Amino acid sequence: MSIGTKFRRLVNLYKLAWAGDRLDGLETQLNLVRGELDTTNARMGAAAAELQSQVDQVRVDCARFGETMYQMASQAGSQLKGLGKDLDTLKSSLEVPQEMVDDFFDWKSQNTILN
């Protein structure tokens, strides 16, 4: 066996001796990455729960808003009906007596309008 081959084998044995240390280092990095991933997943879960809570609150608020709008429309309709009755009462109280109508037509026939 030549010196070059022996030297290569020696270098390969040296690499094998350090392989355990390298694996330990990689395992440490893997554990750190897993910890960061777990932390990120926990944050995402908390954020998703918070967003879902906000969505649920918005749905409740929308339902309440719709109910309020319906009640307001109902009240406005009731008020308009009442105003319509008041308007009819006002109109009926303003009826012109027949005597005044006759007087108007007499005046109109005596006073012609010229163009």
C-alpha atoms as a PDB file:
ATOM      1  CA  MET A   1       0.000   0.000   0.000  1.00  0.00           C
ATOM      2  CA  SER A   2       1.355   3.364  -0.907  1.00  0.00           C
ATOM      3  CA  ILE A   3       1.820   6.244   1.462  1.00  0.00           C
ATOM      4  CA  GLY A   4      -0.880   8.232  -0.376  1.00  0.00           C
ATOM      5  CA  THR A   5      -3.451   5.474   0.127  1.00  0.00           C
ATOM      6  CA  LYS A   6      -2.489   5.116   3.787  1.00  0.00           C
ATOM      7  CA  PHE A   7      -2.748   8.854   4.237  1.00  0.00           C
ATOM      8  CA  ARG A   8      -6.237   8.924   2.610  1.00  0.00           C
ATOM      9  CA  ARG A   9      -7.385   6.110   4.893  1.00  0.00           C
ATOM     10  CA  LEU A  10      -6.014   7.972   7.873  1.00  0.00           C
ATOM     11  CA  VAL A  11      -7.895  11.127   6.815  1.00  0.00           C
ATOM     12  CA  ASN A  12     -11.090   9.087   6.356  1.00  0.00           C
ATOM     13  CA  LEU A  13     -10.675   7.606   9.851  1.00  0.00           C
ATOM     14  CA  TYR A  14     -10.146  11.132  11.175  1.00  0.00           C
ATOM     15  CA  LYS A  15     -13.369  12.202   9.451  1.00  0.00           C
ATOM     16  CA  LEU A  16     -15.192   9.279  11.048  1.00  0.00           C
ATOM     17  CA  ALA A  17     -13.907  10.301  14.475  1.00  0.00           C
ATOM     18  CA  TRP A  18     -15.403  13.791  13.979  1.00  0.00           C
ATOM     19  CA  ALA A  19     -18.647  12.482  12.476  1.00  0.00           C
ATOM     20  CA  GLY A  20     -20.096  11.919  15.942  1.00  0.00           C
ATOM     21  CA  ASP A  21     -19.349  15.501  16.946  1.00  0.00           C
ATOM     22  CA  ARG A  22     -20.823  16.781  13.696  1.00  0.00           C
ATOM     23  CA  LEU A  23     -23.961  14.678  14.247  1.00  0.00           C
ATOM     24  CA  ASP A  24     -24.260  16.051  17.776  1.00  0.00           C
ATOM     25  CA  GLY A  25     -24.010  19.604  16.409  1.00  0.00           C
ATOM     26  CA  LEU A  26     -26.601  18.903  13.737  1.00  0.00           C
ATOM     27  CA  GLU A  27     -28.904  17.349  16.321  1.00  0.00           C
ATOM     28  CA  THR A  28     -28.580  20.462  18.497  1.00  0.00           C
ATOM     29  CA  GLN A  29     -29.469  22.656  15.528  1.00  0.00           C
ATOM     30  CA  LEU A  30     -32.388  20.381  14.692  1.00  0.00           C
ATOM     31  CA  ASN A  31     -33.685  20.689  18.250  1.00  0.00           C
ATOM     32  CA  LEU A  32     -33.387  24.480  18.090  1.00  0.00           C
ATOM     33  CA  VAL A  33     -35.293  24.598  14.808  1.00  0.00           C
ATOM     34  CA  ARG A  34     -37.977  22.292  16.218  1.00  0.00           C
ATOM     35  CA  GLY A  35     -38.309  24.578  19.257  1.00  0.00           C
ATOM     36  CA  GLU A  36     -38.671  27.624  17.032  1.00  0.00           C
ATOM     37  CA  LEU A  37     -41.227  25.766  14.919  1.00  0.00           C
ATOM     38  CA  ASP A  38     -43.229  24.791  18.007  1.00  0.00           C
ATOM     39  CA  THR A  39     -43.153  28.411  19.213  1.00  0.00           C
ATOM     40  CA  THR A  40     -44.275  29.664  15.808  1.00  0.00           C
ATOM     41  CA  ASN A  41     -47.074  27.075  15.674  1.00  0.00           C
ATOM     42  CA  ALA A  42     -48.239  28.107  19.135  1.00  0.00           C
ATOM     43  CA  ARG A  43     -48.283  31.784  18.088  1.00  0.00           C
ATOM     44  CA  MET A  44     -50.186  30.946  14.905  1.00  0.00           C
ATOM     45  CA  GLY A  45     -52.712  28.944  16.892  1.00  0.00           C
ATOM     46  CA  ALA A  46     -53.225  31.803  19.318  1.00  0.00           C
ATOM     47  CA  ALA A  47     -53.545  34.295  16.453  1.00  0.00           C
ATOM     48  CA  ALA A  48     -56.050  32.047  14.670  1.00  0.00           C
ATOM     49  CA  ALA A  49     -58.103  31.723  17.859  1.00  0.00           C
ATOM     50  CA  GLU A  50     -58.073  35.508  18.330  1.00  0.00           C
ATOM     51  CA  LEU A  51     -59.143  36.085  14.736  1.00  0.00           C
ATOM     52  CA  GLN A  52     -61.948  33.547  15.078  1.00  0.00           C
ATOM     53  CA  SER A  53     -63.096  35.312  18.242  1.00  0.00           C
ATOM     54  CA  GLN A  54     -63.155  38.626  16.385  1.00  0.00           C
ATOM     55  CA  VAL A  55     -65.087  37.078  13.473  1.00  0.00           C
ATOM     56  CA  ASP A  56     -67.643  35.665  15.896  1.00  0.00           C
ATOM     57  CA  GLN A  57     -68.002  39.072  17.573  1.00  0.00           C
ATOM     58  CA  VAL A  58     -68.515  40.760  14.193  1.00  0.00           C
ATOM     59  CA  ARG A  59     -71.230  38.237  13.343  1.00  0.00           C
ATOM     60  CA  VAL A  60     -72.991  38.971  16.629  1.00  0.00           C
ATOM     61  CA  ASP A  61     -72.673  42.721  16.026  1.00  0.00           C
ATOM     62  CA  CYS A  62     -74.047  42.373  12.484  1.00  0.00           C
ATOM     63  CA  ALA A  63     -77.029  40.403  13.724  1.00  0.00           C
ATOM     64  CA  ARG A  64     -77.683  43.011  16.415  1.00  0.00           C
ATOM     65  CA  PHE A  65     -77.328  45.807  13.837  1.00  0.00           C
ATOM     66  CA  GLY A  66     -79.792  44.081  11.495  1.00  0.00           C
ATOM     67  CA  GLU A  67     -82.284  43.689  14.327  1.00  0.00           C
ATOM     68  CA  THR A  68     -81.907  47.370  15.267  1.00  0.00           C
ATOM     69  CA  MET A  69     -82.405  48.435  11.640  1.00  0.00           C
ATOM     70  CA  TYR A  70     -85.551  46.296  11.419  1.00  0.00           C
ATOM     71  CA  GLN A  71     -86.932  47.846  14.607  1.00  0.00           C
ATOM     72  CA  MET A  72     -86.166  51.358  13.337  1.00  0.00           C
ATOM     73  CA  ALA A  73     -87.879  50.633  10.003  1.00  0.00           C
ATOM     74  CA  SER A  74     -90.873  49.231  11.829  1.00  0.00           C
ATOM     75  CA  GLN A  75     -91.116  52.324  14.031  1.00  0.00           C
ATOM     76  CA  ALA A  76     -90.762  54.610  11.004  1.00  0.00           C
ATOM     77  CA  GLY A  77     -93.563  52.705   9.249  1.00  0.00           C
ATOM     78  CA  SER A  78     -95.801  53.079  12.284  1.00  0.00           C
ATOM     79  CA  GLN A  79     -95.033  56.792  12.483  1.00  0.00           C
ATOM     80  CA  LEU A  80     -95.784  57.235   8.764  1.00  0.00           C
ATOM     81  CA  LYS A  81     -99.146  55.521   9.192  1.00  0.00           C
ATOM     82  CA  GLY A  82     -99.943  57.869  12.062  1.00  0.00           C
ATOM     83  CA  LEU A  83     -98.885  60.883  10.004  1.00  0.00           C
ATOM     84  CA  GLY A  84    -101.062  59.696   7.112  1.00  0.00           C
ATOM     85  CA  LYS A  85    -104.089  59.564   9.408  1.00  0.00           C
ATOM     86  CA  ASP A  86    -103.239  63.021  10.746  1.00  0.00           C
ATOM     87  CA  LEU A  87    -102.945  64.325   7.168  1.00  0.00           C
ATOM     88  CA  ASP A  88    -106.339  62.872   6.241  1.00  0.00           C
ATOM     89  CA  THR A  89    -107.840  64.494   9.327  1.00  0.00           C
ATOM     90  CA  LEU A  90    -106.259  67.830   8.413  1.00  0.00           C
ATOM     91  CA  LYS A  91    -107.521  67.602   4.831  1.00  0.00           C
ATOM     92  CA  SER A  92    -111.045  66.787   5.927  1.00  0.00           C
ATOM     93  CA  SER A  93    -111.045  69.742   8.336  1.00  0.00           C
ATOM     94  CA  LEU A  94    -110.109  72.065   5.457  1.00  0.00           C
ATOM     95  CA  GLU A  95    -113.116  71.259   3.270  1.00  0.00           C
ATOM     96  CA  VAL A  96    -114.600  74.342   1.688  1.00  0.00           C
ATOM     97  CA  PRO A  97    -118.297  74.985   2.343  1.00  0.00           C
ATOM     98  CA  GLN A  98    -120.494  74.811  -0.771  1.00  0.00           C
ATOM     99  CA  GLU A  99    -121.558  78.448  -0.314  1.00  0.00           C
ATOM    100  CA  MET A 100    -117.943  79.603  -0.782  1.00  0.00           C
ATOM    101  CA  VAL A 101    -117.591  77.402  -3.892  1.00  0.00           C
ATOM    102  CA  ASP A 102    -120.732  78.969  -5.381  1.00  0.00           C
ATOM    103  CA  ASP A 103    -119.431  82.484  -4.592  1.00  0.00           C
ATOM    104  CA  PHE A 104    -116.152  81.667  -6.355  1.00  0.00           C
ATOM    105  CA  PHE A 105    -117.889  80.465  -9.515  1.00  0.00           C
ATOM    106  CA  ASP A 106    -120.102  83.570  -9.523  1.00  0.00           C
ATOM    107  CA  TRP A 107    -117.052  85.813  -9.253  1.00  0.00           C
ATOM    108  CA  LYS A 108    -115.251  83.816 -11.956  1.00  0.00           C
ATOM    109  CA  SER A 109    -118.144  84.168 -14.389  1.00  0.00           C
ATOM    110  CA  GLN A 110    -118.263  87.934 -13.810  1.00  0.00           C
ATOM    111  CA  ASN A 111    -114.492  88.471 -14.116  1.00  0.00           C
ATOM    112  CA  THR A 112    -113.086  86.960 -17.230  1.00  0.00           C
ATOM    113  CA  ILE A 113    -109.372  86.713 -17.679  1.00  0.00           C
ATOM    114  CA  LEU A 114    -108.026  88.294 -20.865  1.00  0.00           C
ATOM    115  CA  ASN A 115    -104.983  86.956 -22.633  1.00  0.00           C
END
